[in-house]
C-alpha cells in the first residue's frame, strides 16, 4: 500500500507547484473535494487536479 501523499496535508489557500509541469508556475489551491484539487496556476489558469495521480509540491513563500 502507498504511503500517504503530501496532497493530504494541503488545504485551500496553500501555494503549490506541479513538478511535472514547471511551466505552469506557482499555483494556489482554491478547493479540495476528496482527491479533486482545484488549483489556480499563474501561467495555466484554474485546473482540476486528480490528487490520486498528481503529487503537488507545497511551496513556502517568503514572509514580507
N, C-alpha and C. Protein backbone atom coordinates (compact mmCIF):
# COMPACT_ATOMS: atom_id res chain seq x y z
N UNK A 1 0.84 -1.20 0.00
CA UNK A 1 0.00 0.00 0.00
C UNK A 1 0.87 1.25 0.00
N UNK A 2 0.41 2.27 -0.69
CA UNK A 2 1.16 3.50 -0.85
C UNK A 2 1.15 4.34 0.41
N UNK A 3 2.26 5.02 0.68
CA UNK A 3 2.30 5.96 1.80
C UNK A 3 1.34 7.11 1.54
N UNK A 4 0.91 7.76 2.63
CA UNK A 4 0.02 8.91 2.49
C UNK A 4 0.75 10.01 1.71
N UNK A 5 0.06 10.60 0.75
CA UNK A 5 0.70 11.61 -0.09
C UNK A 5 0.76 12.96 0.62
N UNK A 6 1.63 13.81 0.11
CA UNK A 6 1.69 15.19 0.62
C UNK A 6 0.39 15.92 0.35
N UNK A 7 -0.34 15.50 -0.68
CA UNK A 7 -1.59 16.18 -1.01
C UNK A 7 -2.56 16.17 0.17
N UNK A 8 -2.51 15.11 0.98
CA UNK A 8 -3.42 15.01 2.13
C UNK A 8 -3.11 16.08 3.18
N UNK A 9 -1.92 16.64 3.14
CA UNK A 9 -1.53 17.67 4.10
C UNK A 9 -1.84 19.08 3.62
N UNK A 10 -2.29 19.20 2.38
CA UNK A 10 -2.57 20.51 1.79
C UNK A 10 -3.98 20.97 2.15
N UNK A 11 -4.20 22.29 2.04
CA UNK A 11 -5.54 22.84 2.26
C UNK A 11 -5.73 24.06 1.38
N UNK A 12 -6.99 24.48 1.16
CA UNK A 12 -7.24 25.66 0.33
C UNK A 12 -6.45 26.87 0.84
N UNK A 13 -5.90 27.61 -0.10
CA UNK A 13 -5.07 28.77 0.22
C UNK A 13 -3.58 28.47 0.14
N UNK A 14 -3.21 27.19 0.24
CA UNK A 14 -1.79 26.82 0.16
C UNK A 14 -1.26 27.04 -1.25
N UNK A 15 0.04 27.36 -1.33
CA UNK A 15 0.71 27.52 -2.61
C UNK A 15 1.45 26.23 -2.96
N UNK A 16 1.40 25.87 -4.24
CA UNK A 16 1.97 24.60 -4.69
C UNK A 16 2.60 24.76 -6.07
N UNK A 17 3.37 23.73 -6.44
CA UNK A 17 3.88 23.59 -7.80
C UNK A 17 3.57 22.18 -8.27
N UNK A 18 3.35 22.05 -9.58
CA UNK A 18 3.19 20.74 -10.21
C UNK A 18 4.56 20.43 -10.80
N UNK A 19 5.28 19.47 -10.18
CA UNK A 19 6.66 19.20 -10.58
C UNK A 19 6.77 18.71 -12.01
N UNK A 20 5.73 18.09 -12.53
CA UNK A 20 5.74 17.62 -13.91
C UNK A 20 5.46 18.72 -14.92
N UNK A 21 4.98 19.86 -14.45
CA UNK A 21 4.65 20.99 -15.33
C UNK A 21 5.17 22.30 -14.75
N UNK A 22 6.49 22.46 -14.67
CA UNK A 22 7.05 23.68 -14.09
C UNK A 22 6.64 24.94 -14.86
N UNK A 23 6.28 24.78 -16.13
CA UNK A 23 5.86 25.93 -16.94
C UNK A 23 4.54 26.52 -16.45
N UNK A 24 3.78 25.79 -15.65
CA UNK A 24 2.52 26.31 -15.12
C UNK A 24 2.76 27.36 -14.05
N UNK A 25 3.95 27.36 -13.46
CA UNK A 25 4.29 28.34 -12.43
C UNK A 25 3.67 28.01 -11.08
N UNK A 26 3.64 29.01 -10.23
CA UNK A 26 3.12 28.88 -8.89
C UNK A 26 1.60 28.75 -8.93
N UNK A 27 1.06 27.87 -8.11
CA UNK A 27 -0.38 27.70 -8.04
C UNK A 27 -0.88 27.88 -6.62
N UNK A 28 -2.15 28.28 -6.50
CA UNK A 28 -2.77 28.38 -5.19
C UNK A 28 -4.01 27.50 -5.18
N UNK A 29 -4.12 26.66 -4.16
CA UNK A 29 -5.26 25.76 -4.06
C UNK A 29 -6.52 26.56 -3.78
N UNK A 30 -7.54 26.34 -4.61
CA UNK A 30 -8.83 27.01 -4.46
C UNK A 30 -9.79 26.16 -3.65
N UNK A 31 -9.83 24.85 -3.93
CA UNK A 31 -10.72 23.96 -3.20
C UNK A 31 -10.20 22.53 -3.28
N UNK A 32 -10.67 21.71 -2.34
CA UNK A 32 -10.33 20.30 -2.30
C UNK A 32 -11.58 19.53 -1.91
N UNK A 33 -12.00 18.63 -2.80
CA UNK A 33 -13.15 17.78 -2.53
C UNK A 33 -12.69 16.35 -2.79
N UNK A 34 -12.50 15.60 -1.72
CA UNK A 34 -11.93 14.27 -1.86
C UNK A 34 -10.53 14.38 -2.44
N UNK A 35 -10.30 13.69 -3.56
CA UNK A 35 -8.99 13.75 -4.22
C UNK A 35 -8.97 14.75 -5.37
N UNK A 36 -10.07 15.50 -5.53
CA UNK A 36 -10.14 16.52 -6.59
C UNK A 36 -9.68 17.86 -6.04
N UNK A 37 -8.60 18.38 -6.61
CA UNK A 37 -7.97 19.61 -6.13
C UNK A 37 -8.03 20.65 -7.23
N UNK A 38 -8.69 21.77 -6.96
CA UNK A 38 -8.73 22.87 -7.92
C UNK A 38 -7.62 23.84 -7.57
N UNK A 39 -6.74 24.09 -8.55
CA UNK A 39 -5.58 24.95 -8.34
C UNK A 39 -5.58 26.03 -9.40
N UNK A 40 -5.34 27.26 -8.99
CA UNK A 40 -5.21 28.38 -9.92
C UNK A 40 -3.71 28.64 -10.12
N UNK A 41 -3.19 28.25 -11.30
CA UNK A 41 -1.77 28.43 -11.62
C UNK A 41 -1.57 29.75 -12.35
N UNK A 42 -0.43 30.40 -12.06
CA UNK A 42 -0.16 31.71 -12.64
C UNK A 42 -0.05 31.69 -14.16
N UNK A 43 0.42 30.59 -14.76
CA UNK A 43 0.60 30.54 -16.21
C UNK A 43 -0.35 29.58 -16.92
N UNK A 44 -1.22 28.91 -16.18
CA UNK A 44 -2.11 27.93 -16.81
C UNK A 44 -3.57 28.13 -16.41
N UNK A 45 -3.83 29.02 -15.47
CA UNK A 45 -5.19 29.27 -15.04
C UNK A 45 -5.68 28.22 -14.06
N UNK A 46 -7.01 28.16 -13.90
CA UNK A 46 -7.62 27.26 -12.93
C UNK A 46 -7.75 25.87 -13.53
N UNK A 47 -7.18 24.87 -12.83
CA UNK A 47 -7.18 23.50 -13.31
C UNK A 47 -7.64 22.55 -12.21
N UNK A 48 -8.32 21.49 -12.62
CA UNK A 48 -8.73 20.44 -11.70
C UNK A 48 -7.68 19.33 -11.73
N UNK A 49 -7.10 19.04 -10.58
CA UNK A 49 -6.03 18.06 -10.45
C UNK A 49 -6.58 16.83 -9.74
N UNK A 50 -6.25 15.65 -10.25
CA UNK A 50 -6.61 14.41 -9.59
C UNK A 50 -5.48 14.06 -8.62
N UNK A 51 -5.74 14.24 -7.33
CA UNK A 51 -4.72 14.01 -6.31
C UNK A 51 -4.27 12.58 -6.20
N UNK A 52 -4.99 11.63 -6.80
CA UNK A 52 -4.56 10.23 -6.80
C UNK A 52 -3.45 10.01 -7.82
N UNK A 53 -3.36 10.92 -8.81
CA UNK A 53 -2.42 10.77 -9.92
C UNK A 53 -1.26 11.76 -9.81
N UNK A 54 -1.55 12.98 -9.39
CA UNK A 54 -0.56 14.06 -9.38
C UNK A 54 -0.21 14.43 -7.94
N UNK A 55 1.07 14.43 -7.65
CA UNK A 55 1.58 14.87 -6.35
C UNK A 55 1.99 16.33 -6.47
N UNK A 56 1.33 17.21 -5.74
CA UNK A 56 1.66 18.63 -5.77
C UNK A 56 2.73 18.91 -4.71
N UNK A 57 3.65 19.79 -5.05
CA UNK A 57 4.75 20.15 -4.15
C UNK A 57 4.38 21.43 -3.41
N UNK A 58 4.29 21.36 -2.06
CA UNK A 58 3.99 22.59 -1.30
C UNK A 58 5.12 23.61 -1.46
N UNK A 59 4.75 24.88 -1.47
CA UNK A 59 5.73 25.97 -1.61
C UNK A 59 5.55 26.92 -0.43
N UNK A 60 6.63 27.18 0.28
CA UNK A 60 6.60 28.17 1.35
C UNK A 60 7.06 29.50 0.77
N UNK A 61 6.19 30.49 0.80
CA UNK A 61 6.55 31.80 0.29
C UNK A 61 7.30 32.58 1.36
N UNK A 62 8.28 33.39 0.95
CA UNK A 62 9.00 34.20 1.95
C UNK A 62 8.05 35.20 2.60
N UNK A 63 8.22 35.40 3.89
CA UNK A 63 7.39 36.37 4.60
C UNK A 63 7.88 37.77 4.29
N UNK A 64 6.93 38.66 4.20
CA UNK A 64 7.30 40.06 3.89
C UNK A 64 7.47 40.87 5.14
